[in-house]
């Protein structure tokens, strides 16, 4: 799994708003809300970083792929397979 944040950073108390019944159900089921939120938030951050990277680099990837299609790669004449 790609780590997109400092795992050793200290924990920080945070206030947030959540559906009261959902919170009650989670507590009754002994669900660690902080752990669930941290995991879900890390996944969302990772997805957003990947999306942003692809948006920023799409034109370069297209250019490079077109270049390879047109000229090949430098090792074309050196490969034995």
C-alpha atoms as a PDB file:
ATOM      1  CA  UNK A   1       0.000   0.000   0.000  1.00  0.00           C
ATOM      2  CA  UNK A   2       1.283   3.429  -0.920  1.00  0.00           C
ATOM      3  CA  UNK A   3       1.777   5.592   2.176  1.00  0.00           C
ATOM      4  CA  UNK A   4       0.847   9.183   1.439  1.00  0.00           C
ATOM      5  CA  UNK A   5       1.429  10.666   4.887  1.00  0.00           C
ATOM      6  CA  UNK A   6       3.841  10.450   7.807  1.00  0.00           C
ATOM      7  CA  UNK A   7       2.850   7.390   9.844  1.00  0.00           C
ATOM      8  CA  UNK A   8       4.952   8.633  12.765  1.00  0.00           C
ATOM      9  CA  UNK A   9       3.237  12.031  13.012  1.00  0.00           C
ATOM     10  CA  UNK A  10       1.577  12.611  16.372  1.00  0.00           C
ATOM     11  CA  UNK A  11      -2.162  12.173  16.750  1.00  0.00           C
ATOM     12  CA  UNK A  12      -4.163  15.388  16.995  1.00  0.00           C
ATOM     13  CA  UNK A  13      -7.553  15.660  18.709  1.00  0.00           C
ATOM     14  CA  UNK A  14     -10.144  16.887  16.222  1.00  0.00           C
ATOM     15  CA  UNK A  15     -13.806  17.800  16.380  1.00  0.00           C
ATOM     16  CA  UNK A  16     -16.123  16.685  13.618  1.00  0.00           C
ATOM     17  CA  UNK A  17     -19.814  16.420  12.933  1.00  0.00           C
ATOM     18  CA  UNK A  18     -21.350  12.987  12.439  1.00  0.00           C
ATOM     19  CA  UNK A  19     -24.819  11.493  12.429  1.00  0.00           C
ATOM     20  CA  UNK A  20     -25.665  10.861  16.094  1.00  0.00           C
ATOM     21  CA  UNK A  21     -27.333   7.507  15.462  1.00  0.00           C
ATOM     22  CA  UNK A  22     -24.397   6.297  13.392  1.00  0.00           C
ATOM     23  CA  UNK A  23     -22.029   7.339  16.174  1.00  0.00           C
ATOM     24  CA  UNK A  24     -24.165   5.546  18.758  1.00  0.00           C
ATOM     25  CA  UNK A  25     -24.307   2.370  16.668  1.00  0.00           C
ATOM     26  CA  UNK A  26     -20.539   2.416  16.169  1.00  0.00           C
ATOM     27  CA  UNK A  27     -19.903   2.869  19.900  1.00  0.00           C
ATOM     28  CA  UNK A  28     -22.356   0.079  20.766  1.00  0.00           C
ATOM     29  CA  UNK A  29     -20.473  -2.207  18.372  1.00  0.00           C
ATOM     30  CA  UNK A  30     -17.104  -1.218  19.898  1.00  0.00           C
ATOM     31  CA  UNK A  31     -15.884   0.178  16.587  1.00  0.00           C
ATOM     32  CA  UNK A  32     -12.746   2.280  16.909  1.00  0.00           C
ATOM     33  CA  UNK A  33     -14.015   5.424  15.197  1.00  0.00           C
ATOM     34  CA  UNK A  34     -10.603   7.088  15.045  1.00  0.00           C
ATOM     35  CA  UNK A  35      -9.066   4.066  13.361  1.00  0.00           C
ATOM     36  CA  UNK A  36     -11.909   3.736  10.853  1.00  0.00           C
ATOM     37  CA  UNK A  37     -11.760   7.438  10.000  1.00  0.00           C
ATOM     38  CA  UNK A  38      -7.980   7.423   9.664  1.00  0.00           C
ATOM     39  CA  UNK A  39      -8.072   4.426   7.312  1.00  0.00           C
ATOM     40  CA  UNK A  40     -10.904   5.867   5.202  1.00  0.00           C
ATOM     41  CA  UNK A  41      -9.295   9.309   5.097  1.00  0.00           C
ATOM     42  CA  UNK A  42      -5.923   7.851   4.063  1.00  0.00           C
ATOM     43  CA  UNK A  43      -7.647   5.974   1.230  1.00  0.00           C
ATOM     44  CA  UNK A  44      -9.435   9.133   0.089  1.00  0.00           C
ATOM     45  CA  UNK A  45      -6.214  11.189   0.243  1.00  0.00           C
ATOM     46  CA  UNK A  46      -4.365   8.500  -1.740  1.00  0.00           C
ATOM     47  CA  UNK A  47      -7.107   8.399  -4.396  1.00  0.00           C
ATOM     48  CA  UNK A  48      -7.126  12.201  -4.689  1.00  0.00           C
ATOM     49  CA  UNK A  49      -3.331  12.340  -4.958  1.00  0.00           C
ATOM     50  CA  UNK A  50      -3.404   9.700  -7.697  1.00  0.00           C
ATOM     51  CA  UNK A  51      -6.158  11.516  -9.580  1.00  0.00           C
ATOM     52  CA  UNK A  52      -4.352  14.846  -9.285  1.00  0.00           C
ATOM     53  CA  UNK A  53      -1.059  13.299 -10.429  1.00  0.00           C
ATOM     54  CA  UNK A  54      -2.703  11.725 -13.469  1.00  0.00           C
ATOM     55  CA  UNK A  55      -4.431  14.996 -14.390  1.00  0.00           C
ATOM     56  CA  UNK A  56      -1.134  16.884 -14.071  1.00  0.00           C
ATOM     57  CA  UNK A  57       0.817  14.336 -16.114  1.00  0.00           C
ATOM     58  CA  UNK A  58      -1.668  13.140 -18.740  1.00  0.00           C
ATOM     59  CA  UNK A  59      -0.310  15.397 -21.488  1.00  0.00           C
ATOM     60  CA  UNK A  60       3.267  14.321 -20.806  1.00  0.00           C
ATOM     61  CA  UNK A  61       2.270  10.657 -20.835  1.00  0.00           C
ATOM     62  CA  UNK A  62       0.457  11.115 -24.144  1.00  0.00           C
ATOM     63  CA  UNK A  63       3.456  12.959 -25.599  1.00  0.00           C
ATOM     64  CA  UNK A  64       5.863  10.244 -24.454  1.00  0.00           C
ATOM     65  CA  UNK A  65       3.666   7.435 -25.764  1.00  0.00           C
ATOM     66  CA  UNK A  66       3.386   9.182 -29.142  1.00  0.00           C
ATOM     67  CA  UNK A  67       7.159   9.663 -29.186  1.00  0.00           C
ATOM     68  CA  UNK A  68       7.738   5.954 -28.501  1.00  0.00           C
ATOM     69  CA  UNK A  69       5.173   4.999 -31.148  1.00  0.00           C
ATOM     70  CA  UNK A  70       6.952   7.211 -33.666  1.00  0.00           C
ATOM     71  CA  UNK A  71      10.618   6.663 -32.793  1.00  0.00           C
ATOM     72  CA  UNK A  72      10.674   3.576 -30.583  1.00  0.00           C
ATOM     73  CA  UNK A  73      12.809   3.371 -27.471  1.00  0.00           C
ATOM     74  CA  UNK A  74      16.558   3.840 -27.362  1.00  0.00           C
ATOM     75  CA  UNK A  75      17.186   0.155 -26.679  1.00  0.00           C
ATOM     76  CA  UNK A  76      15.224  -1.214 -29.654  1.00  0.00           C
ATOM     77  CA  UNK A  77      18.408  -2.161 -31.499  1.00  0.00           C
ATOM     78  CA  UNK A  78      20.084  -3.575 -28.388  1.00  0.00           C
ATOM     79  CA  UNK A  79      17.438  -5.999 -27.175  1.00  0.00           C
ATOM     80  CA  UNK A  80      17.718  -9.676 -27.998  1.00  0.00           C
ATOM     81  CA  UNK A  81      14.088 -10.542 -27.265  1.00  0.00           C
END
